[in-house]
Amino acid sequence: MDKAFIPKGMTVTGNVECDGDLTLEGEVIGNVSIEGTLELKGSIRGNKLKVGRVELTEGVIESDIECKEYLNVGKEVTIFGNIKATKADIDGAVKGDIDVDDKILVGGSAVIQGNLNAKEIGIDMGARCDIDFTKNAYKDQRAAEFFDNYLKEHNFA
């Protein structure tokens, strides 16, 4: 798979499309669509970031993110926008709604403000979160089954 590179000090104004991987140390002002992995150490300002896999180590994203696979937001990353991913680890700052199909891990250095929707959620001590869980579409029926069975076994039902 081919790998593209936008170096520090370079600004691309307009949409960026890449059928391979992209390492971004500069800045993109526009939408970004990548089939492979995005490694970010720069910034993106646009309406939509669509990517296969994301490794964000430092920088700023002012855009909604649609990630087909795994999203990793490092401690030195700030995101202003909504996130849709299959799996995610968040250690940086996110202001926007997060929708994860499978599991999300929120690290101790994370700062999150918005709605959080995921099948499994892990939050480390130290994370600063202003999260609304009321819109969680992945309600786990195992909890309800546990209490129903408990009440029946102990003759409370």
C-alpha atoms as a PDB file:
ATOM      1  CA  MET A   1       0.000   0.000   0.000  1.00  0.00           C
ATOM      2  CA  ASP A   2       1.333   3.431  -0.914  1.00  0.00           C
ATOM      3  CA  LYS A   3       2.112   6.007   1.745  1.00  0.00           C
ATOM      4  CA  ALA A   4       1.707   9.759   1.282  1.00  0.00           C
ATOM      5  CA  PHE A   5       3.359  12.450   3.414  1.00  0.00           C
ATOM      6  CA  ILE A   6       2.452  16.076   4.138  1.00  0.00           C
ATOM      7  CA  PRO A   7       5.416  17.605   6.006  1.00  0.00           C
ATOM      8  CA  LYS A   8       5.465  20.127   8.819  1.00  0.00           C
ATOM      9  CA  GLY A   9       5.248  23.642   7.414  1.00  0.00           C
ATOM     10  CA  MET A  10       3.103  22.620   4.415  1.00  0.00           C
ATOM     11  CA  THR A  11      -0.552  23.682   4.173  1.00  0.00           C
ATOM     12  CA  VAL A  12      -2.894  21.986   1.717  1.00  0.00           C
ATOM     13  CA  THR A  13      -6.054  23.970   0.963  1.00  0.00           C
ATOM     14  CA  GLY A  14      -8.685  21.733  -0.616  1.00  0.00           C
ATOM     15  CA  ASN A  15      -9.815  18.140  -0.311  1.00  0.00           C
ATOM     16  CA  VAL A  16      -7.249  15.350   0.117  1.00  0.00           C
ATOM     17  CA  GLU A  17      -7.930  11.808  -1.125  1.00  0.00           C
ATOM     18  CA  CYS A  18      -5.508   8.928  -0.653  1.00  0.00           C
ATOM     19  CA  ASP A  19      -5.968   5.234  -1.492  1.00  0.00           C
ATOM     20  CA  GLY A  20      -3.116   4.254   0.850  1.00  0.00           C
ATOM     21  CA  ASP A  21      -1.746   5.562   4.157  1.00  0.00           C
ATOM     22  CA  LEU A  22      -1.093   9.218   5.014  1.00  0.00           C
ATOM     23  CA  THR A  23       1.318  10.755   7.496  1.00  0.00           C
ATOM     24  CA  LEU A  24       0.223  14.327   8.152  1.00  0.00           C
ATOM     25  CA  GLU A  25       2.613  16.635   9.972  1.00  0.00           C
ATOM     26  CA  GLY A  26       1.431  19.799   8.218  1.00  0.00           C
ATOM     27  CA  GLU A  27      -2.069  21.202   7.855  1.00  0.00           C
ATOM     28  CA  VAL A  28      -5.062  20.374   5.665  1.00  0.00           C
ATOM     29  CA  ILE A  29      -7.874  22.888   5.240  1.00  0.00           C
ATOM     30  CA  GLY A  30     -10.568  20.758   3.620  1.00  0.00           C
ATOM     31  CA  ASN A  31     -12.085  17.299   3.730  1.00  0.00           C
ATOM     32  CA  VAL A  32      -9.834  14.229   3.959  1.00  0.00           C
ATOM     33  CA  SER A  33     -10.627  10.722   2.679  1.00  0.00           C
ATOM     34  CA  ILE A  34      -8.069   7.932   3.237  1.00  0.00           C
ATOM     35  CA  GLU A  35      -8.465   4.215   2.549  1.00  0.00           C
ATOM     36  CA  GLY A  36      -5.572   3.220   4.828  1.00  0.00           C
ATOM     37  CA  THR A  37      -4.155   4.597   8.079  1.00  0.00           C
ATOM     38  CA  LEU A  38      -3.860   8.266   9.030  1.00  0.00           C
ATOM     39  CA  GLU A  39      -0.939   9.191  11.285  1.00  0.00           C
ATOM     40  CA  LEU A  40      -1.509  12.730  12.538  1.00  0.00           C
ATOM     41  CA  LYS A  41       1.034  15.119  13.999  1.00  0.00           C
ATOM     42  CA  GLY A  42      -0.511  18.199  12.365  1.00  0.00           C
ATOM     43  CA  SER A  43      -4.001  19.604  11.887  1.00  0.00           C
ATOM     44  CA  ILE A  44      -7.132  19.135   9.806  1.00  0.00           C
ATOM     45  CA  ARG A  45      -9.875  21.728   9.446  1.00  0.00           C
ATOM     46  CA  GLY A  46     -12.829  20.606   7.332  1.00  0.00           C
ATOM     47  CA  ASN A  47     -16.265  19.055   7.445  1.00  0.00           C
ATOM     48  CA  LYS A  48     -15.405  15.371   7.083  1.00  0.00           C
ATOM     49  CA  LEU A  49     -12.470  13.070   7.802  1.00  0.00           C
ATOM     50  CA  LYS A  50     -13.161   9.587   6.407  1.00  0.00           C
ATOM     51  CA  VAL A  51     -10.472   7.013   7.110  1.00  0.00           C
ATOM     52  CA  GLY A  52      -9.819   3.293   7.496  1.00  0.00           C
ATOM     53  CA  ARG A  53      -7.674   3.478  10.667  1.00  0.00           C
ATOM     54  CA  VAL A  54      -6.437   6.452  12.698  1.00  0.00           C
ATOM     55  CA  GLU A  55      -3.332   6.917  14.868  1.00  0.00           C
ATOM     56  CA  LEU A  56      -3.420  10.454  16.264  1.00  0.00           C
ATOM     57  CA  THR A  57      -0.340  11.348  18.294  1.00  0.00           C
ATOM     58  CA  GLU A  58      -0.505  15.150  18.359  1.00  0.00           C
ATOM     59  CA  GLY A  59      -2.424  17.916  16.661  1.00  0.00           C
ATOM     60  CA  VAL A  60      -5.897  19.336  16.182  1.00  0.00           C
ATOM     61  CA  ILE A  61      -8.852  18.104  14.155  1.00  0.00           C
ATOM     62  CA  GLU A  62     -11.777  20.412  13.515  1.00  0.00           C
ATOM     63  CA  SER A  63     -13.932  17.960  11.576  1.00  0.00           C
ATOM     64  CA  ASP A  64     -16.316  15.053  11.990  1.00  0.00           C
ATOM     65  CA  ILE A  65     -14.473  11.714  11.828  1.00  0.00           C
ATOM     66  CA  GLU A  66     -15.749   8.518  10.247  1.00  0.00           C
ATOM     67  CA  CYS A  67     -13.344   5.640  10.926  1.00  0.00           C
ATOM     68  CA  LYS A  68     -13.992   2.166   9.482  1.00  0.00           C
ATOM     69  CA  GLU A  69     -11.764   0.366  11.984  1.00  0.00           C
ATOM     70  CA  TYR A  70      -9.773   1.548  15.005  1.00  0.00           C
ATOM     71  CA  LEU A  71      -9.358   5.130  16.249  1.00  0.00           C
ATOM     72  CA  ASN A  72      -6.532   6.003  18.646  1.00  0.00           C
ATOM     73  CA  VAL A  73      -6.542   9.562  20.043  1.00  0.00           C
ATOM     74  CA  GLY A  74      -3.290  10.335  21.862  1.00  0.00           C
ATOM     75  CA  LYS A  75      -2.795  12.691  24.823  1.00  0.00           C
ATOM     76  CA  GLU A  76      -1.598  15.572  22.644  1.00  0.00           C
ATOM     77  CA  VAL A  77      -4.656  15.546  20.345  1.00  0.00           C
ATOM     78  CA  THR A  78      -7.725  17.803  20.453  1.00  0.00           C
ATOM     79  CA  ILE A  79     -10.803  17.035  18.356  1.00  0.00           C
ATOM     80  CA  PHE A  80     -13.723  19.369  17.733  1.00  0.00           C
ATOM     81  CA  GLY A  81     -16.279  17.201  15.925  1.00  0.00           C
ATOM     82  CA  ASN A  82     -18.333  14.034  16.090  1.00  0.00           C
ATOM     83  CA  ILE A  83     -16.669  10.613  15.897  1.00  0.00           C
ATOM     84  CA  LYS A  84     -18.000   7.383  14.389  1.00  0.00           C
ATOM     85  CA  ALA A  85     -15.704   4.328  14.697  1.00  0.00           C
ATOM     86  CA  THR A  86     -15.730   0.565  15.190  1.00  0.00           C
ATOM     87  CA  LYS A  87     -13.304   0.609  18.172  1.00  0.00           C
ATOM     88  CA  ALA A  88     -11.618   3.530  19.927  1.00  0.00           C
ATOM     89  CA  ASP A  89      -9.053   4.479  22.555  1.00  0.00           C
ATOM     90  CA  ILE A  90      -9.295   8.101  23.689  1.00  0.00           C
ATOM     91  CA  ASP A  91      -6.513   9.718  25.726  1.00  0.00           C
ATOM     92  CA  GLY A  92      -6.817  13.241  24.288  1.00  0.00           C
ATOM     93  CA  ALA A  93      -9.598  15.838  24.232  1.00  0.00           C
ATOM     94  CA  VAL A  94     -12.856  15.451  22.288  1.00  0.00           C
ATOM     95  CA  LYS A  95     -15.699  17.952  22.086  1.00  0.00           C
ATOM     96  CA  GLY A  96     -18.471  16.209  20.169  1.00  0.00           C
ATOM     97  CA  ASP A  97     -20.557  13.056  20.095  1.00  0.00           C
ATOM     98  CA  ILE A  98     -18.780   9.685  20.011  1.00  0.00           C
ATOM     99  CA  ASP A  99     -20.467   6.627  18.476  1.00  0.00           C
ATOM    100  CA  VAL A 100     -18.478   3.369  18.647  1.00  0.00           C
ATOM    101  CA  ASP A 101     -19.867   0.079  17.332  1.00  0.00           C
ATOM    102  CA  ASP A 102     -17.831  -2.096  19.703  1.00  0.00           C
ATOM    103  CA  LYS A 103     -15.558  -1.053  22.591  1.00  0.00           C
ATOM    104  CA  ILE A 104     -14.220   2.334  23.696  1.00  0.00           C
ATOM    105  CA  LEU A 105     -11.507   2.872  26.296  1.00  0.00           C
ATOM    106  CA  VAL A 106     -11.268   6.350  27.800  1.00  0.00           C
ATOM    107  CA  GLY A 107      -7.812   6.912  29.278  1.00  0.00           C
ATOM    108  CA  GLY A 108      -6.957   8.782  32.464  1.00  0.00           C
ATOM    109  CA  SER A 109      -5.755  11.857  30.562  1.00  0.00           C
ATOM    110  CA  ALA A 110      -8.894  12.146  28.391  1.00  0.00           C
ATOM    111  CA  VAL A 111     -11.219  15.139  28.384  1.00  0.00           C
ATOM    112  CA  ILE A 112     -14.579  14.460  26.717  1.00  0.00           C
ATOM    113  CA  GLN A 113     -17.678  16.601  26.320  1.00  0.00           C
ATOM    114  CA  GLY A 114     -20.672  15.184  24.423  1.00  0.00           C
ATOM    115  CA  ASN A 115     -22.828  12.091  24.003  1.00  0.00           C
ATOM    116  CA  LEU A 116     -21.163   8.680  24.191  1.00  0.00           C
ATOM    117  CA  ASN A 117     -22.677   5.630  22.531  1.00  0.00           C
ATOM    118  CA  ALA A 118     -20.828   2.278  22.591  1.00  0.00           C
ATOM    119  CA  LYS A 119     -21.426  -1.411  23.152  1.00  0.00           C
ATOM    120  CA  GLU A 120     -18.674  -1.541  25.836  1.00  0.00           C
ATOM    121  CA  ILE A 121     -17.223   1.427  27.732  1.00  0.00           C
ATOM    122  CA  GLY A 122     -14.130   1.546  29.928  1.00  0.00           C
ATOM    123  CA  ILE A 123     -13.155   4.768  31.719  1.00  0.00           C
ATOM    124  CA  ASP A 124      -9.868   5.090  33.611  1.00  0.00           C
ATOM    125  CA  MET A 125      -9.558   7.120  36.798  1.00  0.00           C
ATOM    126  CA  GLY A 126      -8.525  10.683  36.100  1.00  0.00           C
ATOM    127  CA  ALA A 127     -10.543  11.092  32.921  1.00  0.00           C
ATOM    128  CA  ARG A 128     -12.548  14.313  32.872  1.00  0.00           C
ATOM    129  CA  CYS A 129     -15.886  13.618  31.240  1.00  0.00           C
ATOM    130  CA  ASP A 130     -19.073  15.565  30.663  1.00  0.00           C
ATOM    131  CA  ILE A 131     -20.847  12.677  28.933  1.00  0.00           C
ATOM    132  CA  ASP A 132     -24.509  11.931  28.302  1.00  0.00           C
ATOM    133  CA  PHE A 133     -25.206   8.185  28.162  1.00  0.00           C
ATOM    134  CA  THR A 134     -28.988   8.507  27.778  1.00  0.00           C
ATOM    135  CA  LYS A 135     -28.902   8.063  24.000  1.00  0.00           C
ATOM    136  CA  ASN A 136     -27.026   4.743  24.212  1.00  0.00           C
ATOM    137  CA  ALA A 137     -28.473   2.585  21.430  1.00  0.00           C
ATOM    138  CA  TYR A 138     -26.336  -0.442  22.368  1.00  0.00           C
ATOM    139  CA  LYS A 139     -28.235  -1.316  25.519  1.00  0.00           C
ATOM    140  CA  ASP A 140     -26.886  -4.557  26.935  1.00  0.00           C
ATOM    141  CA  GLN A 141     -29.695  -6.963  27.789  1.00  0.00           C
ATOM    142  CA  ARG A 142     -27.368  -9.035  30.018  1.00  0.00           C
ATOM    143  CA  ALA A 143     -27.824  -6.586  32.891  1.00  0.00           C
ATOM    144  CA  ALA A 144     -31.625  -6.842  32.740  1.00  0.00           C
ATOM    145  CA  GLU A 145     -31.400 -10.647  32.501  1.00  0.00           C
ATOM    146  CA  PHE A 146     -29.096 -10.762  35.536  1.00  0.00           C
ATOM    147  CA  PHE A 147     -31.555  -8.893  37.742  1.00  0.00           C
ATOM    148  CA  ASP A 148     -34.567 -10.798  36.394  1.00  0.00           C
ATOM    149  CA  ASN A 149     -32.839 -14.121  37.165  1.00  0.00           C
ATOM    150  CA  TYR A 150     -31.673 -12.910  40.587  1.00  0.00           C
ATOM    151  CA  LEU A 151     -35.185 -11.863  41.585  1.00  0.00           C
ATOM    152  CA  LYS A 152     -36.628 -15.209  40.414  1.00  0.00           C
ATOM    153  CA  GLU A 153     -33.929 -17.271  42.207  1.00  0.00           C
ATOM    154  CA  HIS A 154     -34.491 -15.397  45.447  1.00  0.00           C
ATOM    155  CA  ASN A 155     -38.285 -15.479  45.209  1.00  0.00           C
ATOM    156  CA  PHE A 156     -38.721 -11.721  44.781  1.00  0.00           C
ATOM    157  CA  ALA A 157     -40.538 -11.991  41.459  1.00  0.00           C
END
